[in-house]
Amino acid sequence: MRRISANASCRCSSSEPTKQGNSVKRSQFIPAAESKHDWVGPPHRLSNLRPIIYHIPENETELEKQLRTLRQETEDWNHAFWTNQNITFNKEKDAFVLSQLKEKGLTERDEKGRKRALNSEEMAVFYKHFLDENCIRHANYNKDWYRRNFTITLLMGRVAFHSVWRTLAERRGWKKGGPTT
């Protein structure tokens, strides 16, 4: 991967604005202009998700563009959800650990300056509470995730079908309306 330059000519869908109008820019790298494949980057430090830079073919059809756009919007939505979820989780976990240490009369760090931790049984109380508190949120996320992926799968099928049809039509010399006579 190479750094983005001001005069880079490769089109990168992960830097295009989403439907909501806000640009989600998570990667400072783009593939070479001659690349013909999607690129997957390293995990994001907050969401833990790997950003994808989708290849945009030169002769992208409207259906292919619709698929790529939906995939990018889904990735952006997923990234936003997990970034927020992980930040919330870590804040609540840190607050829980601190409150439990205070209950025991301990400070956050020991005599050698090392951060204190709770054992797995004590942390299980927090994990259960966090999951219970976020149960509806996670269920809604899962419903939307499945809906989005089902739609993406259907669009991928349509793109594949149209691609095969276009190839057959070209080989047989058909015009757009059907076979030539």
C-alpha atoms as a PDB file:
ATOM      1  CA  MET A   1       0.000   0.000   0.000  1.00  0.00           C
ATOM      2  CA  ARG A   2       1.148   3.556  -0.601  1.00  0.00           C
ATOM      3  CA  ARG A   3       0.307   6.897   0.924  1.00  0.00           C
ATOM      4  CA  ILE A   4      -2.397   9.070  -0.607  1.00  0.00           C
ATOM      5  CA  SER A   5      -0.919  11.891  -2.600  1.00  0.00           C
ATOM      6  CA  ALA A   6      -2.709  15.047  -3.595  1.00  0.00           C
ATOM      7  CA  ASN A   7      -2.565  14.024  -7.244  1.00  0.00           C
ATOM      8  CA  ALA A   8      -3.499  10.349  -6.844  1.00  0.00           C
ATOM      9  CA  SER A   9      -5.682   9.284  -9.735  1.00  0.00           C
ATOM     10  CA  CYS A  10      -7.087   6.055  -8.285  1.00  0.00           C
ATOM     11  CA  ARG A  11     -10.725   6.313  -7.256  1.00  0.00           C
ATOM     12  CA  CYS A  12     -11.263   5.011  -3.747  1.00  0.00           C
ATOM     13  CA  SER A  13     -14.771   4.342  -2.541  1.00  0.00           C
ATOM     14  CA  SER A  14     -13.910   4.417   1.161  1.00  0.00           C
ATOM     15  CA  SER A  15     -13.238   8.148   0.934  1.00  0.00           C
ATOM     16  CA  GLU A  16     -16.446   8.946  -0.958  1.00  0.00           C
ATOM     17  CA  PRO A  17     -19.255  10.483   1.089  1.00  0.00           C
ATOM     18  CA  THR A  18     -21.950   8.118   2.228  1.00  0.00           C
ATOM     19  CA  LYS A  19     -25.697   8.626   1.780  1.00  0.00           C
ATOM     20  CA  GLN A  20     -25.803  10.581   5.045  1.00  0.00           C
ATOM     21  CA  GLY A  21     -23.366  13.108   3.550  1.00  0.00           C
ATOM     22  CA  ASN A  22     -20.546  12.585   6.017  1.00  0.00           C
ATOM     23  CA  SER A  23     -17.222  11.310   4.767  1.00  0.00           C
ATOM     24  CA  VAL A  24     -15.773   8.381   6.662  1.00  0.00           C
ATOM     25  CA  LYS A  25     -12.035   8.407   6.124  1.00  0.00           C
ATOM     26  CA  ARG A  26     -10.375   5.664   8.098  1.00  0.00           C
ATOM     27  CA  SER A  27      -7.413   4.790   5.916  1.00  0.00           C
ATOM     28  CA  GLN A  28      -4.606   6.991   4.738  1.00  0.00           C
ATOM     29  CA  PHE A  29      -3.582   4.448   2.103  1.00  0.00           C
ATOM     30  CA  ILE A  30      -4.960   3.644  -1.326  1.00  0.00           C
ATOM     31  CA  PRO A  31      -4.063   0.896  -3.777  1.00  0.00           C
ATOM     32  CA  ALA A  32      -2.054   1.643  -6.895  1.00  0.00           C
ATOM     33  CA  ALA A  33      -4.128   3.008  -9.781  1.00  0.00           C
ATOM     34  CA  GLU A  34      -3.588  -0.198 -11.776  1.00  0.00           C
ATOM     35  CA  SER A  35      -4.937  -2.405  -8.963  1.00  0.00           C
ATOM     36  CA  LYS A  36      -7.998  -4.454  -9.928  1.00  0.00           C
ATOM     37  CA  HIS A  37      -8.932  -5.768  -6.476  1.00  0.00           C
ATOM     38  CA  ASP A  38     -10.429  -4.594  -3.196  1.00  0.00           C
ATOM     39  CA  TRP A  39      -7.846  -3.864  -0.518  1.00  0.00           C
ATOM     40  CA  VAL A  40      -8.236  -4.702   3.168  1.00  0.00           C
ATOM     41  CA  GLY A  41      -6.355  -2.569   5.673  1.00  0.00           C
ATOM     42  CA  PRO A  42      -5.161  -3.199   9.215  1.00  0.00           C
ATOM     43  CA  PRO A  43      -7.707  -3.238  12.068  1.00  0.00           C
ATOM     44  CA  HIS A  44      -8.934   0.182  13.175  1.00  0.00           C
ATOM     45  CA  ARG A  45      -7.794   0.986  16.719  1.00  0.00           C
ATOM     46  CA  LEU A  46     -11.311   1.752  18.019  1.00  0.00           C
ATOM     47  CA  SER A  47     -13.684  -0.432  16.004  1.00  0.00           C
ATOM     48  CA  ASN A  48     -11.231  -3.344  15.595  1.00  0.00           C
ATOM     49  CA  LEU A  49     -12.598  -3.733  12.053  1.00  0.00           C
ATOM     50  CA  ARG A  50     -10.426  -3.891   8.962  1.00  0.00           C
ATOM     51  CA  PRO A  51     -11.354  -1.088   6.545  1.00  0.00           C
ATOM     52  CA  ILE A  52     -11.943  -2.123   2.942  1.00  0.00           C
ATOM     53  CA  ILE A  53     -11.009   0.001  -0.029  1.00  0.00           C
ATOM     54  CA  TYR A  54     -13.332  -1.125  -2.796  1.00  0.00           C
ATOM     55  CA  HIS A  55     -12.012  -1.272  -6.341  1.00  0.00           C
ATOM     56  CA  ILE A  56     -14.013   0.835  -8.777  1.00  0.00           C
ATOM     57  CA  PRO A  57     -13.863  -0.667 -12.276  1.00  0.00           C
ATOM     58  CA  GLU A  58     -13.483   1.709 -15.218  1.00  0.00           C
ATOM     59  CA  ASN A  59     -16.757   0.625 -16.822  1.00  0.00           C
ATOM     60  CA  GLU A  60     -18.748   0.217 -13.607  1.00  0.00           C
ATOM     61  CA  THR A  61     -22.442  -0.325 -14.335  1.00  0.00           C
ATOM     62  CA  GLU A  62     -25.178   1.383 -12.324  1.00  0.00           C
ATOM     63  CA  LEU A  63     -25.968  -1.962 -10.650  1.00  0.00           C
ATOM     64  CA  GLU A  64     -22.297  -2.502  -9.721  1.00  0.00           C
ATOM     65  CA  LYS A  65     -22.137   1.054  -8.369  1.00  0.00           C
ATOM     66  CA  GLN A  66     -25.291   0.437  -6.326  1.00  0.00           C
ATOM     67  CA  LEU A  67     -23.697  -2.725  -4.870  1.00  0.00           C
ATOM     68  CA  ARG A  68     -20.384  -1.019  -4.094  1.00  0.00           C
ATOM     69  CA  THR A  69     -22.163   1.948  -2.502  1.00  0.00           C
ATOM     70  CA  LEU A  70     -24.326  -0.310  -0.328  1.00  0.00           C
ATOM     71  CA  ARG A  71     -21.275  -2.316   0.731  1.00  0.00           C
ATOM     72  CA  GLN A  72     -19.436   0.902   1.632  1.00  0.00           C
ATOM     73  CA  GLU A  73     -22.419   2.324   3.526  1.00  0.00           C
ATOM     74  CA  THR A  74     -22.722  -0.966   5.413  1.00  0.00           C
ATOM     75  CA  GLU A  75     -19.029  -0.904   6.260  1.00  0.00           C
ATOM     76  CA  ASP A  76     -19.313   2.706   7.464  1.00  0.00           C
ATOM     77  CA  TRP A  77     -22.424   1.866   9.533  1.00  0.00           C
ATOM     78  CA  ASN A  78     -20.689  -1.187  11.014  1.00  0.00           C
ATOM     79  CA  HIS A  79     -17.557   0.818  11.789  1.00  0.00           C
ATOM     80  CA  ALA A  80     -19.570   3.550  13.540  1.00  0.00           C
ATOM     81  CA  PHE A  81     -21.532   1.005  15.595  1.00  0.00           C
ATOM     82  CA  TRP A  82     -18.453  -0.899  16.792  1.00  0.00           C
ATOM     83  CA  THR A  83     -16.427   2.239  17.445  1.00  0.00           C
ATOM     84  CA  ASN A  84     -19.200   3.586  19.667  1.00  0.00           C
ATOM     85  CA  GLN A  85     -19.819   0.178  21.259  1.00  0.00           C
ATOM     86  CA  ASN A  86     -16.145  -0.397  22.063  1.00  0.00           C
ATOM     87  CA  ILE A  87     -15.674   3.103  23.496  1.00  0.00           C
ATOM     88  CA  THR A  88     -18.761   2.661  25.690  1.00  0.00           C
ATOM     89  CA  PHE A  89     -17.641  -0.813  26.767  1.00  0.00           C
ATOM     90  CA  ASN A  90     -14.149   0.346  27.738  1.00  0.00           C
ATOM     91  CA  LYS A  91     -15.412   3.400  29.660  1.00  0.00           C
ATOM     92  CA  GLU A  92     -17.935   1.319  31.595  1.00  0.00           C
ATOM     93  CA  LYS A  93     -15.390  -1.446  32.223  1.00  0.00           C
ATOM     94  CA  ASP A  94     -12.816   1.033  33.557  1.00  0.00           C
ATOM     95  CA  ALA A  95     -15.446   2.632  35.818  1.00  0.00           C
ATOM     96  CA  PHE A  96     -16.524  -0.814  37.085  1.00  0.00           C
ATOM     97  CA  VAL A  97     -12.943  -1.896  37.833  1.00  0.00           C
ATOM     98  CA  LEU A  98     -12.245   1.380  39.641  1.00  0.00           C
ATOM     99  CA  SER A  99     -15.424   1.095  41.736  1.00  0.00           C
ATOM    100  CA  GLN A 100     -14.607  -2.504  42.691  1.00  0.00           C
ATOM    101  CA  LEU A 101     -11.059  -1.575  43.667  1.00  0.00           C
ATOM    102  CA  LYS A 102     -12.354   1.325  45.788  1.00  0.00           C
ATOM    103  CA  GLU A 103     -14.773  -1.059  47.525  1.00  0.00           C
ATOM    104  CA  LYS A 104     -11.747  -3.175  48.469  1.00  0.00           C
ATOM    105  CA  GLY A 105      -9.885  -0.074  49.648  1.00  0.00           C
ATOM    106  CA  LEU A 106      -7.354  -0.318  46.821  1.00  0.00           C
ATOM    107  CA  THR A 107      -6.050   2.298  44.430  1.00  0.00           C
ATOM    108  CA  GLU A 108      -5.940   1.921  40.656  1.00  0.00           C
ATOM    109  CA  ARG A 109      -2.185   1.154  40.783  1.00  0.00           C
ATOM    110  CA  ASP A 110      -0.128  -0.978  43.112  1.00  0.00           C
ATOM    111  CA  GLU A 111       3.069   0.048  44.955  1.00  0.00           C
ATOM    112  CA  LYS A 112       5.180  -0.589  41.833  1.00  0.00           C
ATOM    113  CA  GLY A 113       2.909   1.574  39.639  1.00  0.00           C
ATOM    114  CA  ARG A 114       1.307  -1.357  37.814  1.00  0.00           C
ATOM    115  CA  LYS A 115      -2.372  -1.148  36.988  1.00  0.00           C
ATOM    116  CA  ARG A 116      -4.483  -3.420  39.184  1.00  0.00           C
ATOM    117  CA  ALA A 117      -6.959  -5.850  37.627  1.00  0.00           C
ATOM    118  CA  LEU A 118      -9.929  -7.860  38.822  1.00  0.00           C
ATOM    119  CA  ASN A 119     -10.126 -11.622  38.496  1.00  0.00           C
ATOM    120  CA  SER A 120     -12.297 -13.313  35.885  1.00  0.00           C
ATOM    121  CA  GLU A 121     -15.142 -14.034  38.331  1.00  0.00           C
ATOM    122  CA  GLU A 122     -15.336 -10.380  39.345  1.00  0.00           C
ATOM    123  CA  MET A 123     -15.224  -9.275  35.698  1.00  0.00           C
ATOM    124  CA  ALA A 124     -17.973 -11.772  34.786  1.00  0.00           C
ATOM    125  CA  VAL A 125     -20.372  -9.629  36.837  1.00  0.00           C
ATOM    126  CA  PHE A 126     -19.540  -6.635  34.648  1.00  0.00           C
ATOM    127  CA  TYR A 127     -19.740  -8.594  31.373  1.00  0.00           C
ATOM    128  CA  LYS A 128     -23.173  -9.989  32.231  1.00  0.00           C
ATOM    129  CA  HIS A 129     -24.453  -6.559  33.282  1.00  0.00           C
ATOM    130  CA  PHE A 130     -23.105  -4.930  30.102  1.00  0.00           C
ATOM    131  CA  LEU A 131     -24.685  -7.568  27.857  1.00  0.00           C
ATOM    132  CA  ASP A 132     -28.004  -7.341  29.701  1.00  0.00           C
ATOM    133  CA  GLU A 133     -28.010  -3.531  29.446  1.00  0.00           C
ATOM    134  CA  ASN A 134     -27.228  -3.635  25.712  1.00  0.00           C
ATOM    135  CA  CYS A 135     -29.363  -6.645  24.753  1.00  0.00           C
ATOM    136  CA  ILE A 136     -31.924  -4.676  22.718  1.00  0.00           C
ATOM    137  CA  ARG A 137     -29.222  -2.598  21.050  1.00  0.00           C
ATOM    138  CA  HIS A 138     -27.352  -5.763  20.007  1.00  0.00           C
ATOM    139  CA  ALA A 139     -30.560  -7.414  18.779  1.00  0.00           C
ATOM    140  CA  ASN A 140     -31.375  -4.342  16.656  1.00  0.00           C
ATOM    141  CA  TYR A 141     -27.818  -4.324  15.305  1.00  0.00           C
ATOM    142  CA  ASN A 142     -28.089  -8.015  14.369  1.00  0.00           C
ATOM    143  CA  LYS A 143     -31.439  -7.501  12.616  1.00  0.00           C
ATOM    144  CA  ASP A 144     -30.069  -4.599  10.590  1.00  0.00           C
ATOM    145  CA  TRP A 145     -26.813  -6.480   9.885  1.00  0.00           C
ATOM    146  CA  TYR A 146     -28.701  -9.499   8.507  1.00  0.00           C
ATOM    147  CA  ARG A 147     -31.029  -7.278   6.465  1.00  0.00           C
ATOM    148  CA  ARG A 148     -28.108  -5.388   4.961  1.00  0.00           C
ATOM    149  CA  ASN A 149     -26.179  -8.563   4.166  1.00  0.00           C
ATOM    150  CA  PHE A 150     -29.227 -10.208   2.593  1.00  0.00           C
ATOM    151  CA  THR A 151     -29.690  -7.141   0.372  1.00  0.00           C
ATOM    152  CA  ILE A 152     -25.983  -7.157  -0.531  1.00  0.00           C
ATOM    153  CA  THR A 153     -26.168 -10.876  -1.374  1.00  0.00           C
ATOM    154  CA  LEU A 154     -29.177 -10.324  -3.645  1.00  0.00           C
ATOM    155  CA  LEU A 155     -27.425  -7.429  -5.380  1.00  0.00           C
ATOM    156  CA  MET A 156     -24.295  -9.558  -5.834  1.00  0.00           C
ATOM    157  CA  GLY A 157     -26.455 -12.223  -7.477  1.00  0.00           C
ATOM    158  CA  ARG A 158     -27.998  -9.632  -9.807  1.00  0.00           C
ATOM    159  CA  VAL A 159     -24.552  -8.250 -10.705  1.00  0.00           C
ATOM    160  CA  ALA A 160     -23.258 -11.772 -11.426  1.00  0.00           C
ATOM    161  CA  PHE A 161     -26.320 -12.587 -13.548  1.00  0.00           C
ATOM    162  CA  HIS A 162     -26.003  -9.364 -15.559  1.00  0.00           C
ATOM    163  CA  SER A 163     -22.281  -9.971 -16.040  1.00  0.00           C
ATOM    164  CA  VAL A 164     -22.902 -13.496 -17.385  1.00  0.00           C
ATOM    165  CA  TRP A 165     -25.729 -12.206 -19.587  1.00  0.00           C
ATOM    166  CA  ARG A 166     -23.537  -9.411 -20.945  1.00  0.00           C
ATOM    167  CA  THR A 167     -20.734 -11.907 -21.719  1.00  0.00           C
ATOM    168  CA  LEU A 168     -23.143 -14.251 -23.517  1.00  0.00           C
ATOM    169  CA  ALA A 169     -24.640 -11.366 -25.475  1.00  0.00           C
ATOM    170  CA  GLU A 170     -21.194 -10.184 -26.572  1.00  0.00           C
ATOM    171  CA  ARG A 171     -20.143 -13.684 -27.656  1.00  0.00           C
ATOM    172  CA  ARG A 172     -23.310 -14.242 -29.655  1.00  0.00           C
ATOM    173  CA  GLY A 173     -23.357 -10.771 -31.165  1.00  0.00           C
ATOM    174  CA  TRP A 174     -26.696  -9.820 -29.647  1.00  0.00           C
ATOM    175  CA  LYS A 175     -27.775  -6.243 -29.405  1.00  0.00           C
ATOM    176  CA  LYS A 176     -29.166  -4.860 -26.177  1.00  0.00           C
ATOM    177  CA  GLY A 177     -32.740  -5.961 -27.003  1.00  0.00           C
ATOM    178  CA  GLY A 178     -31.930  -9.579 -27.876  1.00  0.00           C
ATOM    179  CA  PRO A 179     -30.352 -11.756 -30.591  1.00  0.00           C
ATOM    180  CA  THR A 180     -29.677 -10.256 -33.996  1.00  0.00           C
ATOM    181  CA  THR A 181     -31.280 -11.705 -37.120  1.00  0.00           C
END
